[in-house]
Amino acid sequence: MTDLGAALATTLQAARQARGLSGGALADRSGVSRAMISKIERGETQPTAVLLSRLAAALGMTLSELVARAEQDQNRLARKENQPTWTDPDTGYTRRAVSPVAGGPLELVEVELPAGARVAFPAATYAHRHQQIWVLEGRLTFREGATDHHMAAGDCLQLGPPQACVFVNETDTPCRYLVALAPR
């Protein structure tokens, strides 16, 4: 477990308790088992991006907000070397919170999706945020419900109403993209 992983465990537990939720209530809201939530909060397992995003959504925040709270840095300037980076242990998906933690109405997240990787998120992940995806390098297939959006470097997509989505890199090279999020 990394320092950030341990901080995420503590932050998740604090956010759950601040909302007056038991582990069971958070499990019901997120669809993540109570046992898994307990393991994450105790720092016994490194959660995947999908699990963390489901938990964050159930707590009314984004994955980036959860990571930022774990970092506890209130600077308005986010230098690259200080921007929190997290890697999904299952897929190698790497997410960097670009925006300063001090917040504001816009949140920027840079993602690198390895060659051949696929990361799926439930509709609840998108329930409270407007999102746009801007491909910086490579090619990305973004499945929004039943619709596939094939995107190349420079392409930008505004997401529609919340629905299950899948980020897919069908190529043999990494894909790098920026996600811009704003409150709905």
C-alpha atoms as a PDB file:
ATOM      1  CA  MET A   1       0.000   0.000   0.000  1.00  0.00           C
ATOM      2  CA  THR A   2       1.410   3.385  -1.035  1.00  0.00           C
ATOM      3  CA  ASP A   3       1.202   6.522   1.112  1.00  0.00           C
ATOM      4  CA  LEU A   4      -1.593   7.722  -1.171  1.00  0.00           C
ATOM      5  CA  GLY A   5      -3.345   4.352  -0.856  1.00  0.00           C
ATOM      6  CA  ALA A   6      -3.275   4.622   2.935  1.00  0.00           C
ATOM      7  CA  ALA A   7      -4.509   8.226   2.746  1.00  0.00           C
ATOM      8  CA  LEU A   8      -7.337   7.135   0.418  1.00  0.00           C
ATOM      9  CA  ALA A   9      -8.408   4.490   2.936  1.00  0.00           C
ATOM     10  CA  THR A  10      -8.549   7.064   5.741  1.00  0.00           C
ATOM     11  CA  THR A  11     -10.275   9.665   3.540  1.00  0.00           C
ATOM     12  CA  LEU A  12     -12.911   7.184   2.362  1.00  0.00           C
ATOM     13  CA  GLN A  13     -13.723   6.169   5.927  1.00  0.00           C
ATOM     14  CA  ALA A  14     -13.886   9.819   7.073  1.00  0.00           C
ATOM     15  CA  ALA A  15     -16.192  10.781   4.164  1.00  0.00           C
ATOM     16  CA  ARG A  16     -18.495   7.836   4.925  1.00  0.00           C
ATOM     17  CA  GLN A  17     -18.648   8.687   8.617  1.00  0.00           C
ATOM     18  CA  ALA A  18     -19.153  12.429   7.935  1.00  0.00           C
ATOM     19  CA  ARG A  19     -22.296  11.510   6.009  1.00  0.00           C
ATOM     20  CA  GLY A  20     -23.513   9.299   8.841  1.00  0.00           C
ATOM     21  CA  LEU A  21     -23.331   6.162   6.718  1.00  0.00           C
ATOM     22  CA  SER A  22     -22.558   2.696   7.987  1.00  0.00           C
ATOM     23  CA  GLY A  23     -20.461   0.359   5.859  1.00  0.00           C
ATOM     24  CA  GLY A  24     -23.687  -1.442   4.950  1.00  0.00           C
ATOM     25  CA  ALA A  25     -25.418   1.762   3.862  1.00  0.00           C
ATOM     26  CA  LEU A  26     -22.451   2.711   1.670  1.00  0.00           C
ATOM     27  CA  ALA A  27     -22.478  -0.811   0.239  1.00  0.00           C
ATOM     28  CA  ASP A  28     -26.171  -0.441  -0.653  1.00  0.00           C
ATOM     29  CA  ARG A  29     -25.610   2.951  -2.305  1.00  0.00           C
ATOM     30  CA  SER A  30     -22.484   1.956  -4.222  1.00  0.00           C
ATOM     31  CA  GLY A  31     -23.020  -1.693  -5.099  1.00  0.00           C
ATOM     32  CA  VAL A  32     -19.622  -2.486  -3.513  1.00  0.00           C
ATOM     33  CA  SER A  33     -19.760  -5.231  -0.893  1.00  0.00           C
ATOM     34  CA  ARG A  34     -19.527  -4.294   2.773  1.00  0.00           C
ATOM     35  CA  ALA A  35     -16.578  -6.676   3.143  1.00  0.00           C
ATOM     36  CA  MET A  36     -14.673  -4.929   0.319  1.00  0.00           C
ATOM     37  CA  ILE A  37     -15.396  -1.491   1.810  1.00  0.00           C
ATOM     38  CA  SER A  38     -14.017  -2.706   5.151  1.00  0.00           C
ATOM     39  CA  LYS A  39     -10.859  -4.068   3.477  1.00  0.00           C
ATOM     40  CA  ILE A  40     -10.330  -0.777   1.615  1.00  0.00           C
ATOM     41  CA  GLU A  41     -10.871   1.337   4.751  1.00  0.00           C
ATOM     42  CA  ARG A  42      -8.446  -0.839   6.735  1.00  0.00           C
ATOM     43  CA  GLY A  43      -5.844  -0.517   3.969  1.00  0.00           C
ATOM     44  CA  GLU A  44      -5.815  -4.259   3.351  1.00  0.00           C
ATOM     45  CA  THR A  45      -6.428  -3.990  -0.382  1.00  0.00           C
ATOM     46  CA  GLN A  46      -5.616  -1.567  -3.208  1.00  0.00           C
ATOM     47  CA  PRO A  47      -9.007  -0.739  -4.787  1.00  0.00           C
ATOM     48  CA  THR A  48      -9.528  -0.474  -8.534  1.00  0.00           C
ATOM     49  CA  ALA A  49     -10.584   2.719 -10.320  1.00  0.00           C
ATOM     50  CA  VAL A  50     -14.062   1.298 -10.793  1.00  0.00           C
ATOM     51  CA  LEU A  51     -14.515   0.496  -7.091  1.00  0.00           C
ATOM     52  CA  LEU A  52     -13.212   3.875  -5.961  1.00  0.00           C
ATOM     53  CA  SER A  53     -15.371   5.750  -8.467  1.00  0.00           C
ATOM     54  CA  ARG A  54     -18.479   3.830  -7.352  1.00  0.00           C
ATOM     55  CA  LEU A  55     -17.722   4.609  -3.717  1.00  0.00           C
ATOM     56  CA  ALA A  56     -16.972   8.260  -4.476  1.00  0.00           C
ATOM     57  CA  ALA A  57     -20.218   8.619  -6.461  1.00  0.00           C
ATOM     58  CA  ALA A  58     -22.184   7.066  -3.598  1.00  0.00           C
ATOM     59  CA  LEU A  59     -20.618   9.693  -1.327  1.00  0.00           C
ATOM     60  CA  GLY A  60     -21.546  12.505  -3.754  1.00  0.00           C
ATOM     61  CA  MET A  61     -18.029  13.192  -5.045  1.00  0.00           C
ATOM     62  CA  THR A  62     -15.815  12.290  -7.966  1.00  0.00           C
ATOM     63  CA  LEU A  63     -12.803  10.001  -7.878  1.00  0.00           C
ATOM     64  CA  SER A  64     -10.593  13.071  -8.335  1.00  0.00           C
ATOM     65  CA  GLU A  65     -12.187  14.789  -5.342  1.00  0.00           C
ATOM     66  CA  LEU A  66     -11.573  11.694  -3.235  1.00  0.00           C
ATOM     67  CA  VAL A  67      -7.920  11.578  -4.328  1.00  0.00           C
ATOM     68  CA  ALA A  68      -7.541  15.330  -3.766  1.00  0.00           C
ATOM     69  CA  ARG A  69      -8.941  15.067  -0.244  1.00  0.00           C
ATOM     70  CA  ALA A  70      -6.492  12.274   0.441  1.00  0.00           C
ATOM     71  CA  GLU A  71      -3.694  14.590  -0.673  1.00  0.00           C
ATOM     72  CA  GLN A  72      -5.007  17.437   1.574  1.00  0.00           C
ATOM     73  CA  ASP A  73      -3.229  20.153  -0.367  1.00  0.00           C
ATOM     74  CA  GLN A  74      -5.061  23.483  -0.605  1.00  0.00           C
ATOM     75  CA  ASN A  75      -2.744  25.300  -3.038  1.00  0.00           C
ATOM     76  CA  ARG A  76      -4.225  27.096  -6.037  1.00  0.00           C
ATOM     77  CA  LEU A  77      -1.167  26.204  -8.121  1.00  0.00           C
ATOM     78  CA  ALA A  78      -0.834  22.498  -8.841  1.00  0.00           C
ATOM     79  CA  ARG A  79       2.697  21.800 -10.018  1.00  0.00           C
ATOM     80  CA  LYS A  80       3.001  18.664 -12.127  1.00  0.00           C
ATOM     81  CA  GLU A  81       5.364  16.973  -9.697  1.00  0.00           C
ATOM     82  CA  ASN A  82       2.809  17.467  -6.888  1.00  0.00           C
ATOM     83  CA  GLN A  83      -0.317  16.403  -8.759  1.00  0.00           C
ATOM     84  CA  PRO A  84      -1.625  13.155  -7.277  1.00  0.00           C
ATOM     85  CA  THR A  85      -1.332  10.181  -9.590  1.00  0.00           C
ATOM     86  CA  TRP A  86      -3.087   6.893  -9.060  1.00  0.00           C
ATOM     87  CA  THR A  87      -2.761   3.650 -11.022  1.00  0.00           C
ATOM     88  CA  ASP A  88      -5.487   1.014 -11.203  1.00  0.00           C
ATOM     89  CA  PRO A  89      -3.870  -2.268 -10.128  1.00  0.00           C
ATOM     90  CA  ASP A  90      -6.082  -4.292 -12.509  1.00  0.00           C
ATOM     91  CA  THR A  91      -5.636  -2.420 -15.799  1.00  0.00           C
ATOM     92  CA  GLY A  92      -2.631  -0.116 -15.383  1.00  0.00           C
ATOM     93  CA  TYR A  93      -4.980   2.841 -16.046  1.00  0.00           C
ATOM     94  CA  THR A  94      -3.165   5.900 -14.650  1.00  0.00           C
ATOM     95  CA  ARG A  95      -5.067   8.964 -13.519  1.00  0.00           C
ATOM     96  CA  ARG A  96      -3.482  12.310 -12.625  1.00  0.00           C
ATOM     97  CA  ALA A  97      -5.519  15.009 -10.871  1.00  0.00           C
ATOM     98  CA  VAL A  98      -4.336  18.098 -12.770  1.00  0.00           C
ATOM     99  CA  SER A  99      -6.536  20.703 -11.060  1.00  0.00           C
ATOM    100  CA  PRO A 100      -5.470  22.361  -7.819  1.00  0.00           C
ATOM    101  CA  VAL A 101      -7.143  20.903  -4.756  1.00  0.00           C
ATOM    102  CA  ALA A 102      -8.380  24.355  -3.762  1.00  0.00           C
ATOM    103  CA  GLY A 103     -11.127  23.580  -6.200  1.00  0.00           C
ATOM    104  CA  GLY A 104     -13.448  25.634  -8.259  1.00  0.00           C
ATOM    105  CA  PRO A 105     -16.175  24.830 -10.734  1.00  0.00           C
ATOM    106  CA  LEU A 106     -13.868  22.906 -13.089  1.00  0.00           C
ATOM    107  CA  GLU A 107     -11.851  19.756 -12.513  1.00  0.00           C
ATOM    108  CA  LEU A 108      -9.229  18.452 -14.946  1.00  0.00           C
ATOM    109  CA  VAL A 109      -7.961  14.870 -14.946  1.00  0.00           C
ATOM    110  CA  GLU A 110      -5.317  13.414 -17.256  1.00  0.00           C
ATOM    111  CA  VAL A 111      -5.572   9.698 -17.947  1.00  0.00           C
ATOM    112  CA  GLU A 112      -3.228   7.263 -19.649  1.00  0.00           C
ATOM    113  CA  LEU A 113      -4.961   4.096 -20.816  1.00  0.00           C
ATOM    114  CA  PRO A 114      -2.479   1.318 -21.662  1.00  0.00           C
ATOM    115  CA  ALA A 115      -2.585  -0.531 -24.977  1.00  0.00           C
ATOM    116  CA  GLY A 116      -5.422  -3.055 -25.019  1.00  0.00           C
ATOM    117  CA  ALA A 117      -6.902  -1.804 -21.717  1.00  0.00           C
ATOM    118  CA  ARG A 118     -10.597  -1.445 -20.964  1.00  0.00           C
ATOM    119  CA  VAL A 119     -12.117   0.382 -17.970  1.00  0.00           C
ATOM    120  CA  ALA A 120     -15.882   0.406 -17.343  1.00  0.00           C
ATOM    121  CA  PHE A 121     -17.791   2.794 -15.079  1.00  0.00           C
ATOM    122  CA  PRO A 122     -21.449   2.657 -14.002  1.00  0.00           C
ATOM    123  CA  ALA A 123     -23.903   5.450 -14.814  1.00  0.00           C
ATOM    124  CA  ALA A 124     -23.765   6.698 -11.196  1.00  0.00           C
ATOM    125  CA  THR A 125     -20.199   7.860 -11.856  1.00  0.00           C
ATOM    126  CA  TYR A 126     -21.586  10.518 -14.217  1.00  0.00           C
ATOM    127  CA  ALA A 127     -24.734  11.487 -12.289  1.00  0.00           C
ATOM    128  CA  HIS A 128     -23.515  14.738 -10.741  1.00  0.00           C
ATOM    129  CA  ARG A 129     -21.034  16.048 -13.302  1.00  0.00           C
ATOM    130  CA  HIS A 130     -20.909  17.384 -16.847  1.00  0.00           C
ATOM    131  CA  GLN A 131     -17.938  15.779 -18.555  1.00  0.00           C
ATOM    132  CA  GLN A 132     -15.923  16.230 -21.709  1.00  0.00           C
ATOM    133  CA  ILE A 133     -13.159  13.961 -22.973  1.00  0.00           C
ATOM    134  CA  TRP A 134     -10.332  15.402 -25.058  1.00  0.00           C
ATOM    135  CA  VAL A 135      -7.918  12.899 -26.602  1.00  0.00           C
ATOM    136  CA  LEU A 136      -4.329  14.170 -26.359  1.00  0.00           C
ATOM    137  CA  GLU A 137      -2.430  11.206 -27.862  1.00  0.00           C
ATOM    138  CA  GLY A 138      -3.426   7.919 -29.447  1.00  0.00           C
ATOM    139  CA  ARG A 139      -6.887   6.562 -30.145  1.00  0.00           C
ATOM    140  CA  LEU A 140      -9.772   5.964 -27.750  1.00  0.00           C
ATOM    141  CA  THR A 141     -13.051   4.150 -28.164  1.00  0.00           C
ATOM    142  CA  PHE A 142     -15.543   5.531 -25.671  1.00  0.00           C
ATOM    143  CA  ARG A 143     -18.668   3.415 -25.254  1.00  0.00           C
ATOM    144  CA  GLU A 144     -21.503   5.526 -23.931  1.00  0.00           C
ATOM    145  CA  GLY A 145     -24.366   3.109 -23.356  1.00  0.00           C
ATOM    146  CA  ALA A 146     -24.892   1.429 -26.750  1.00  0.00           C
ATOM    147  CA  THR A 147     -22.989   4.084 -28.741  1.00  0.00           C
ATOM    148  CA  ASP A 148     -19.295   3.809 -29.646  1.00  0.00           C
ATOM    149  CA  HIS A 149     -17.386   7.054 -30.151  1.00  0.00           C
ATOM    150  CA  HIS A 150     -14.091   6.427 -32.005  1.00  0.00           C
ATOM    151  CA  MET A 151     -11.774   9.273 -31.118  1.00  0.00           C
ATOM    152  CA  ALA A 152      -8.292  10.325 -32.264  1.00  0.00           C
ATOM    153  CA  ALA A 153      -5.852  12.939 -30.952  1.00  0.00           C
ATOM    154  CA  GLY A 154      -7.527  16.345 -30.876  1.00  0.00           C
ATOM    155  CA  ASP A 155     -11.100  14.982 -30.761  1.00  0.00           C
ATOM    156  CA  CYS A 156     -13.318  16.176 -27.914  1.00  0.00           C
ATOM    157  CA  LEU A 157     -16.598  14.578 -26.789  1.00  0.00           C
ATOM    158  CA  GLN A 158     -19.224  16.020 -24.453  1.00  0.00           C
ATOM    159  CA  LEU A 159     -20.966  13.217 -22.571  1.00  0.00           C
ATOM    160  CA  GLY A 160     -24.726  12.922 -22.755  1.00  0.00           C
ATOM    161  CA  PRO A 161     -27.102  11.888 -19.957  1.00  0.00           C
ATOM    162  CA  PRO A 162     -25.576   9.559 -17.340  1.00  0.00           C
ATOM    163  CA  GLN A 163     -25.263   5.960 -18.485  1.00  0.00           C
ATOM    164  CA  ALA A 164     -22.783   3.122 -18.165  1.00  0.00           C
ATOM    165  CA  CYS A 165     -19.579   3.926 -20.055  1.00  0.00           C
ATOM    166  CA  VAL A 166     -16.426   2.077 -21.095  1.00  0.00           C
ATOM    167  CA  PHE A 167     -13.039   3.529 -22.034  1.00  0.00           C
ATOM    168  CA  VAL A 168     -11.312   1.163 -24.484  1.00  0.00           C
ATOM    169  CA  ASN A 169      -7.865   1.349 -26.045  1.00  0.00           C
ATOM    170  CA  GLU A 170      -8.032  -1.090 -28.968  1.00  0.00           C
ATOM    171  CA  THR A 171      -4.534  -0.189 -30.191  1.00  0.00           C
ATOM    172  CA  ASP A 172      -1.035  -1.395 -29.343  1.00  0.00           C
ATOM    173  CA  THR A 173       0.094   1.999 -27.997  1.00  0.00           C
ATOM    174  CA  PRO A 174      -1.050   3.941 -24.914  1.00  0.00           C
ATOM    175  CA  CYS A 175      -3.806   6.541 -25.206  1.00  0.00           C
ATOM    176  CA  ARG A 176      -3.663   9.770 -23.229  1.00  0.00           C
ATOM    177  CA  TYR A 177      -6.734  11.940 -22.711  1.00  0.00           C
ATOM    178  CA  LEU A 178      -8.006  14.760 -20.551  1.00  0.00           C
ATOM    179  CA  VAL A 179     -11.346  14.641 -18.747  1.00  0.00           C
ATOM    180  CA  ALA A 180     -12.920  17.985 -17.844  1.00  0.00           C
ATOM    181  CA  LEU A 181     -15.635  17.843 -15.163  1.00  0.00           C
ATOM    182  CA  ALA A 182     -18.021  20.500 -13.905  1.00  0.00           C
ATOM    183  CA  PRO A 183     -21.024  20.282 -11.552  1.00  0.00           C
ATOM    184  CA  ARG A 184     -24.397  19.545 -13.161  1.00  0.00           C
END
